[in-house]
C-alpha atoms as a PDB file:
ATOM      1  CA  MET A   1     157.599  97.916 113.502  1.00  0.00           C
ATOM      2  CA  LYS A   2     155.361  94.823 113.594  1.00  0.00           C
ATOM      3  CA  SER A   3     154.290  95.712 117.134  1.00  0.00           C
ATOM      4  CA  TYR A   4     153.429  99.232 115.989  1.00  0.00           C
ATOM      5  CA  LEU A   5     151.375  97.967 113.051  1.00  0.00           C
ATOM      6  CA  LYS A   6     149.508  95.518 115.288  1.00  0.00           C
ATOM      7  CA  SER A   7     148.686  98.289 117.788  1.00  0.00           C
ATOM      8  CA  PHE A   8     147.627 100.634 114.997  1.00  0.00           C
ATOM      9  CA  SER A   9     145.403  97.937 113.436  1.00  0.00           C
ATOM     10  CA  LEU A  10     143.728  97.261 116.772  1.00  0.00           C
ATOM     11  CA  PHE A  11     143.155 100.984 117.283  1.00  0.00           C
ATOM     12  CA  LEU A  12     141.675 101.305 113.789  1.00  0.00           C
ATOM     13  CA  ILE A  13     139.272  98.379 114.356  1.00  0.00           C
ATOM     14  CA  CYS A  14     138.071  99.843 117.675  1.00  0.00           C
ATOM     15  CA  PHE A  15     137.642 103.261 116.076  1.00  0.00           C
ATOM     16  CA  LEU A  16     135.599 101.894 113.179  1.00  0.00           C
ATOM     17  CA  LEU A  17     133.441  99.837 115.536  1.00  0.00           C
ATOM     18  CA  LEU A  18     132.743 102.851 117.733  1.00  0.00           C
ATOM     19  CA  PHE A  19     132.004 104.982 114.671  1.00  0.00           C
ATOM     20  CA  SER A  20     129.618 102.331 113.366  1.00  0.00           C
ATOM     21  CA  LEU A  21     127.734 102.129 116.677  1.00  0.00           C
ATOM     22  CA  GLN A  22     127.452 105.912 116.836  1.00  0.00           C
ATOM     23  CA  ASN A  23     125.977 105.933 113.344  1.00  0.00           C
ATOM     24  CA  VAL A  24     123.394 103.288 114.292  1.00  0.00           C
ATOM     25  CA  TYR A  25     122.173 105.369 117.218  1.00  0.00           C
ATOM     26  CA  ALA A  26     122.316 108.549 115.149  1.00  0.00           C
ATOM     27  CA  ILE A  27     120.174 106.959 112.464  1.00  0.00           C
ATOM     28  CA  CYS A  28     117.654 105.412 114.852  1.00  0.00           C
ATOM     29  CA  PRO A  29     117.454 107.268 118.190  1.00  0.00           C
ATOM     30  CA  VAL A  30     113.818 106.333 118.908  1.00  0.00           C
ATOM     31  CA  GLN A  31     113.213 105.195 122.479  1.00  0.00           C
ATOM     32  CA  LEU A  32     110.858 105.404 125.423  1.00  0.00           C
ATOM     33  CA  THR A  33     112.179 107.400 128.361  1.00  0.00           C
ATOM     34  CA  VAL A  34     110.702 108.309 131.731  1.00  0.00           C
ATOM     35  CA  LYS A  35     108.833 111.594 131.516  1.00  0.00           C
ATOM     36  CA  LYS A  36     107.511 111.723 135.058  1.00  0.00           C
ATOM     37  CA  GLU A  37     107.479 109.653 138.241  1.00  0.00           C
ATOM     38  CA  TYR A  38     105.376 110.367 141.296  1.00  0.00           C
ATOM     39  CA  HIS A  39     103.603 108.781 144.237  1.00  0.00           C
ATOM     40  CA  PHE A  40     100.406 109.755 146.001  1.00  0.00           C
ATOM     41  CA  GLU A  41      98.158 108.560 148.796  1.00  0.00           C
ATOM     42  CA  SER A  42      94.396 108.633 148.352  1.00  0.00           C
ATOM     43  CA  PRO A  43      91.585 107.396 150.625  1.00  0.00           C
ATOM     44  CA  GLY A  44      91.589 103.906 149.099  1.00  0.00           C
ATOM     45  CA  THR A  45      94.979 103.555 147.437  1.00  0.00           C
ATOM     46  CA  SER A  46      98.722 104.019 147.672  1.00  0.00           C
ATOM     47  CA  THR A  47      99.723 104.692 144.081  1.00  0.00           C
ATOM     48  CA  THR A  48     103.036 104.960 142.243  1.00  0.00           C
ATOM     49  CA  VAL A  49     103.020 106.235 138.659  1.00  0.00           C
ATOM     50  CA  THR A  50     105.766 106.145 136.025  1.00  0.00           C
ATOM     51  CA  ILE A  51     104.832 107.891 132.769  1.00  0.00           C
ATOM     52  CA  PRO A  52     107.032 107.375 129.692  1.00  0.00           C
ATOM     53  CA  GLU A  53     107.321 109.495 126.579  1.00  0.00           C
ATOM     54  CA  ILE A  54     108.722 108.735 123.163  1.00  0.00           C
ATOM     55  CA  LYS A  55     111.874 110.483 122.007  1.00  0.00           C
ATOM     56  CA  GLY A  56     113.685 110.618 118.701  1.00  0.00           C
ATOM     57  CA  ILE A  57     110.765 110.849 116.247  1.00  0.00           C
ATOM     58  CA  GLU A  58     111.440 113.437 113.546  1.00  0.00           C
ATOM     59  CA  ASP A  59     107.752 114.134 112.905  1.00  0.00           C
ATOM     60  CA  SER A  60     106.627 116.207 115.900  1.00  0.00           C
ATOM     61  CA  LYS A  61     102.964 115.550 115.067  1.00  0.00           C
ATOM     62  CA  VAL A  62     103.462 111.769 115.285  1.00  0.00           C
ATOM     63  CA  ALA A  63     105.437 112.162 118.519  1.00  0.00           C
ATOM     64  CA  LYS A  64     102.606 114.190 120.011  1.00  0.00           C
ATOM     65  CA  GLU A  65     100.028 111.574 118.965  1.00  0.00           C
ATOM     66  CA  VAL A  66     102.064 108.713 120.457  1.00  0.00           C
ATOM     67  CA  ASN A  67     102.589 110.560 123.728  1.00  0.00           C
ATOM     68  CA  GLN A  68      98.874 111.313 123.890  1.00  0.00           C
ATOM     69  CA  LEU A  69      98.100 107.598 123.509  1.00  0.00           C
ATOM     70  CA  ILE A  70     100.434 106.961 126.424  1.00  0.00           C
ATOM     71  CA  GLN A  71      98.788 109.623 128.576  1.00  0.00           C
ATOM     72  CA  ASP A  72      95.300 108.336 127.724  1.00  0.00           C
ATOM     73  CA  SER A  73      96.293 104.832 128.840  1.00  0.00           C
ATOM     74  CA  VAL A  74      97.711 106.157 132.121  1.00  0.00           C
ATOM     75  CA  ASP A  75      94.568 108.255 132.664  1.00  0.00           C
ATOM     76  CA  ASP A  76      92.395 105.165 132.236  1.00  0.00           C
ATOM     77  CA  TYR A  77      94.238 103.476 135.096  1.00  0.00           C
ATOM     78  CA  LEU A  78      94.082 106.621 137.227  1.00  0.00           C
ATOM     79  CA  GLN A  79      90.312 106.586 136.730  1.00  0.00           C
ATOM     80  CA  GLN A  80      90.296 103.155 138.368  1.00  0.00           C
ATOM     81  CA  VAL A  81      92.045 104.726 141.351  1.00  0.00           C
ATOM     82  CA  LYS A  82      89.134 107.160 141.712  1.00  0.00           C
ATOM     83  CA  GLU A  83      86.698 104.247 141.563  1.00  0.00           C
ATOM     84  CA  TYR A  84      88.611 102.435 144.317  1.00  0.00           C
ATOM     85  CA  ASP A  85      88.422 105.606 146.414  1.00  0.00           C
ATOM     86  CA  GLN A  86      84.663 105.833 145.934  1.00  0.00           C
ATOM     87  CA  SER A  87      84.217 102.210 147.020  1.00  0.00           C
ATOM     88  CA  TYR A  88      86.488 102.760 150.010  1.00  0.00           C
ATOM     89  CA  ASN A  89      84.508 105.814 151.134  1.00  0.00           C
ATOM     90  CA  GLN A  90      81.199 103.992 150.749  1.00  0.00           C
ATOM     91  CA  MET A  91      82.397 101.115 152.945  1.00  0.00           C
ATOM     92  CA  ASN A  92      83.475 103.558 155.660  1.00  0.00           C
ATOM     93  CA  ASP A  93      85.535 100.863 157.374  1.00  0.00           C
ATOM     94  CA  SER A  94      89.003 101.773 158.654  1.00  0.00           C
ATOM     95  CA  GLN A  95      89.918  98.070 158.814  1.00  0.00           C
ATOM     96  CA  VAL A  96      89.739  97.731 155.017  1.00  0.00           C
ATOM     97  CA  LYS A  97      93.220  97.714 153.512  1.00  0.00           C
ATOM     98  CA  LYS A  98      94.227 100.185 150.848  1.00  0.00           C
ATOM     99  CA  TRP A  99      94.990  99.031 147.336  1.00  0.00           C
ATOM    100  CA  LEU A 100      98.666  99.211 146.386  1.00  0.00           C
ATOM    101  CA  ILE A 101      98.835 100.329 142.759  1.00  0.00           C
ATOM    102  CA  ASP A 102     101.865 100.582 140.488  1.00  0.00           C
ATOM    103  CA  ILE A 103     101.426 102.098 137.022  1.00  0.00           C
ATOM    104  CA  ASN A 104     104.443 101.694 134.747  1.00  0.00           C
ATOM    105  CA  TYR A 105     105.499 100.593 131.259  1.00  0.00           C
ATOM    106  CA  GLN A 106     107.432  97.912 129.373  1.00  0.00           C
ATOM    107  CA  THR A 107     109.091  98.054 125.944  1.00  0.00           C
ATOM    108  CA  TYR A 108     109.111  94.842 123.871  1.00  0.00           C
ATOM    109  CA  TYR A 109     110.512  95.939 120.523  1.00  0.00           C
ATOM    110  CA  ALA A 110     111.592  99.162 118.826  1.00  0.00           C
ATOM    111  CA  ASP A 111     113.260 100.212 115.601  1.00  0.00           C
ATOM    112  CA  CYS A 112     113.205 103.301 113.392  1.00  0.00           C
ATOM    113  CA  ASN A 113     109.779 102.497 111.957  1.00  0.00           C
ATOM    114  CA  PHE A 114     107.896 100.735 114.725  1.00  0.00           C
ATOM    115  CA  ILE A 115     107.592 100.370 118.488  1.00  0.00           C
ATOM    116  CA  SER A 116     105.744  97.828 120.638  1.00  0.00           C
ATOM    117  CA  PHE A 117     105.189  98.497 124.342  1.00  0.00           C
ATOM    118  CA  SER A 118     102.584  98.378 127.091  1.00  0.00           C
ATOM    119  CA  ILE A 119     101.287 100.604 129.872  1.00  0.00           C
ATOM    120  CA  ASN A 120     100.750  98.405 132.939  1.00  0.00           C
ATOM    121  CA  SER A 121      98.851  98.580 136.205  1.00  0.00           C
ATOM    122  CA  THR A 122      99.577  96.164 139.042  1.00  0.00           C
ATOM    123  CA  GLN A 123      96.935  96.241 141.777  1.00  0.00           C
ATOM    124  CA  ILE A 124      97.562  94.512 145.092  1.00  0.00           C
ATOM    125  CA  ASN A 125      95.218  93.974 148.016  1.00  0.00           C
ATOM    126  CA  ALA A 126      94.452  90.510 149.377  1.00  0.00           C
ATOM    127  CA  SER A 127      95.764  89.264 146.031  1.00  0.00           C
ATOM    128  CA  SER A 128      97.347  90.880 142.985  1.00  0.00           C
ATOM    129  CA  TYR A 129      95.873  91.728 139.598  1.00  0.00           C
ATOM    130  CA  LEU A 130      97.784  92.824 136.489  1.00  0.00           C
ATOM    131  CA  GLN A 131      96.411  94.814 133.558  1.00  0.00           C
ATOM    132  CA  LYS A 132      98.260  95.790 130.401  1.00  0.00           C
ATOM    133  CA  THR A 133      97.366  98.158 127.579  1.00  0.00           C
ATOM    134  CA  PHE A 134      99.410  97.152 124.528  1.00  0.00           C
ATOM    135  CA  LEU A 135     100.427  99.815 122.020  1.00  0.00           C
ATOM    136  CA  ASN A 136     101.933  98.811 118.660  1.00  0.00           C
ATOM    137  CA  ILE A 137     102.618 101.942 116.657  1.00  0.00           C
ATOM    138  CA  ASP A 138     103.841 102.785 113.165  1.00  0.00           C
ATOM    139  CA  LEU A 139     106.322 105.580 113.894  1.00  0.00           C
ATOM    140  CA  LYS A 140     106.093 107.017 110.376  1.00  0.00           C
ATOM    141  CA  THR A 141     102.329 107.571 110.469  1.00  0.00           C
ATOM    142  CA  GLY A 142     101.393 107.314 114.148  1.00  0.00           C
ATOM    143  CA  LYS A 143      98.908 104.562 113.265  1.00  0.00           C
ATOM    144  CA  LEU A 144      97.970 102.137 116.049  1.00  0.00           C
ATOM    145  CA  LEU A 145      98.488  98.723 114.456  1.00  0.00           C
ATOM    146  CA  THR A 146      96.372  95.601 114.972  1.00  0.00           C
ATOM    147  CA  VAL A 147      97.048  91.875 114.664  1.00  0.00           C
ATOM    148  CA  GLU A 148      95.581  92.009 111.155  1.00  0.00           C
ATOM    149  CA  ASP A 149      98.365  94.376 110.068  1.00  0.00           C
ATOM    150  CA  PHE A 150     100.945  91.711 110.939  1.00  0.00           C
ATOM    151  CA  ILE A 151      99.163  88.408 110.264  1.00  0.00           C
ATOM    152  CA  GLY A 152      96.807  89.306 107.421  1.00  0.00           C
ATOM    153  CA  LYS A 153      93.086  88.993 106.745  1.00  0.00           C
ATOM    154  CA  ASP A 154      92.970  85.392 108.042  1.00  0.00           C
ATOM    155  CA  TYR A 155      94.265  86.502 111.451  1.00  0.00           C
ATOM    156  CA  GLN A 156      91.208  85.167 113.325  1.00  0.00           C
ATOM    157  CA  LYS A 157      91.612  81.586 112.140  1.00  0.00           C
ATOM    158  CA  ILE A 158      95.408  81.636 112.357  1.00  0.00           C
ATOM    159  CA  ILE A 159      95.432  82.897 115.953  1.00  0.00           C
ATOM    160  CA  LYS A 160      92.563  80.701 117.112  1.00  0.00           C
ATOM    161  CA  ASP A 161      94.080  77.534 115.630  1.00  0.00           C
ATOM    162  CA  GLU A 162      97.505  78.275 117.107  1.00  0.00           C
ATOM    163  CA  VAL A 163      96.216  79.157 120.577  1.00  0.00           C
ATOM    164  CA  GLN A 164      94.078  76.006 120.686  1.00  0.00           C
ATOM    165  CA  ARG A 165      97.038  73.886 119.539  1.00  0.00           C
ATOM    166  CA  GLN A 166      99.431  75.350 122.113  1.00  0.00           C
ATOM    167  CA  ALA A 167      96.844  75.179 124.916  1.00  0.00           C
ATOM    168  CA  LYS A 168      96.264  71.493 124.139  1.00  0.00           C
ATOM    169  CA  ASP A 169      99.997  70.813 124.200  1.00  0.00           C
ATOM    170  CA  ASP A 170     100.411  72.727 127.480  1.00  0.00           C
ATOM    171  CA  GLU A 171      97.685  70.727 129.190  1.00  0.00           C
ATOM    172  CA  LYS A 172      99.017  67.473 127.753  1.00  0.00           C
ATOM    173  CA  ASN A 173     102.425  68.291 129.244  1.00  0.00           C
ATOM    174  CA  GLN A 174     100.707  69.393 132.459  1.00  0.00           C
ATOM    175  CA  GLN A 175     102.318  72.828 132.206  1.00  0.00           C
ATOM    176  CA  PHE A 176      99.178  74.964 132.401  1.00  0.00           C
ATOM    177  CA  ILE A 177      95.440  74.663 132.975  1.00  0.00           C
ATOM    178  CA  TYR A 178      92.912  76.483 130.793  1.00  0.00           C
ATOM    179  CA  PHE A 179      89.166  76.966 130.812  1.00  0.00           C
ATOM    180  CA  ASN A 180      88.158  74.465 128.111  1.00  0.00           C
ATOM    181  CA  ASP A 181      84.977  76.309 127.124  1.00  0.00           C
ATOM    182  CA  ALA A 182      86.874  79.570 126.720  1.00  0.00           C
ATOM    183  CA  ILE A 183      89.523  77.920 124.533  1.00  0.00           C
ATOM    184  CA  GLU A 184      86.983  76.051 122.379  1.00  0.00           C
ATOM    185  CA  ASN A 185      84.834  79.159 121.852  1.00  0.00           C
ATOM    186  CA  LEU A 186      87.721  81.566 121.457  1.00  0.00           C
ATOM    187  CA  GLU A 187      86.797  84.818 119.729  1.00  0.00           C
ATOM    188  CA  ILE A 188      89.560  86.871 118.150  1.00  0.00           C
ATOM    189  CA  THR A 189      88.937  90.467 117.034  1.00  0.00           C
ATOM    190  CA  LYS A 190      91.092  93.267 115.666  1.00  0.00           C
ATOM    191  CA  GLN A 191      91.322  94.545 119.233  1.00  0.00           C
ATOM    192  CA  GLN A 192      93.110  91.366 120.365  1.00  0.00           C
ATOM    193  CA  PRO A 193      95.918  92.409 122.749  1.00  0.00           C
ATOM    194  CA  PHE A 194      99.386  91.568 121.433  1.00  0.00           C
ATOM    195  CA  TYR A 195     102.965  92.727 121.233  1.00  0.00           C
ATOM    196  CA  ILE A 196     105.988  92.134 119.014  1.00  0.00           C
ATOM    197  CA  ASN A 197     108.906  90.404 120.726  1.00  0.00           C
ATOM    198  CA  LYS A 198     112.641  90.921 120.113  1.00  0.00           C
ATOM    199  CA  ASP A 199     112.532  88.212 117.423  1.00  0.00           C
ATOM    200  CA  LYS A 200     109.821  90.182 115.576  1.00  0.00           C
ATOM    201  CA  GLN A 201     107.160  87.563 116.360  1.00  0.00           C
ATOM    202  CA  VAL A 202     103.532  88.333 117.167  1.00  0.00           C
ATOM    203  CA  VAL A 203     102.693  87.394 120.760  1.00  0.00           C
ATOM    204  CA  VAL A 204      98.967  87.424 121.571  1.00  0.00           C
ATOM    205  CA  VAL A 205      98.023  88.020 125.192  1.00  0.00           C
ATOM    206  CA  PHE A 206      94.865  87.318 127.179  1.00  0.00           C
ATOM    207  CA  ASN A 207      93.719  89.091 130.323  1.00  0.00           C
ATOM    208  CA  GLU A 208      93.794  87.344 133.657  1.00  0.00           C
ATOM    209  CA  PHE A 209      90.795  85.002 134.110  1.00  0.00           C
ATOM    210  CA  ASP A 210      89.784  85.224 130.414  1.00  0.00           C
ATOM    211  CA  ILE A 211      90.954  81.752 129.421  1.00  0.00           C
ATOM    212  CA  ALA A 212      92.717  80.440 132.533  1.00  0.00           C
ATOM    213  CA  PRO A 213      92.752  80.691 136.342  1.00  0.00           C
ATOM    214  CA  GLY A 214      94.111  83.933 137.754  1.00  0.00           C
ATOM    215  CA  TYR A 215      97.258  82.342 139.173  1.00  0.00           C
ATOM    216  CA  MET A 216      98.463  81.809 135.589  1.00  0.00           C
ATOM    217  CA  GLY A 217      98.644  85.553 135.065  1.00  0.00           C
ATOM    218  CA  MET A 218      98.177  86.812 131.507  1.00  0.00           C
ATOM    219  CA  PRO A 219      98.631  83.823 129.139  1.00  0.00           C
ATOM    220  CA  GLU A 220     100.789  84.499 126.089  1.00  0.00           C
ATOM    221  CA  PHE A 221     101.067  82.640 122.788  1.00  0.00           C
ATOM    222  CA  ILE A 222     103.678  83.204 120.082  1.00  0.00           C
ATOM    223  CA  ILE A 223     102.094  83.115 116.621  1.00  0.00           C
ATOM    224  CA  PRO A 224     104.736  81.786 114.192  1.00  0.00           C
END
């Protein structure tokens, strides 16, 4: 009898846990999924494209707006491919290597009300170059959010002070090297690239070469 009760209790716990998990996903099914993947060769590039789309938003209008933002970001990178092709044709030199381009995406945080992700383009020739378009979206309204929405009206001072503090500490610890003039004269606008990490922290990001040598990639700073 005791063995039966123990087995039944274990079964009941597993059942309730499974039921709970199913309810979580039923309540909040929002996610980015792959809509389309393809590869093409052009005169100056060899390009791979992965296009995501958002699923699980009840408001079809908001879903359409979010997916249009995604497509616009992908199209911007595809326009660069056309520009590479034009340059390649103008050089008219078969010895010039093609650009290898990979357009994809990365999700940083998502819940029922909000999602933070980026559309990325990695471009490789003699060296590599990474670009990211960050999208932080209110899933109830479709609004594209800015750092001010998360940090408040004093976002410029808060971000600037924190970036300068962390950059100073990094250099003191000989972890990274920054362009001192760029750090001292840092300008932060509402268009400052950022994402929200899994701990719900604001992470501001700078493009390659903006504030540091290219080998450091895209410097990131968590704003507590």
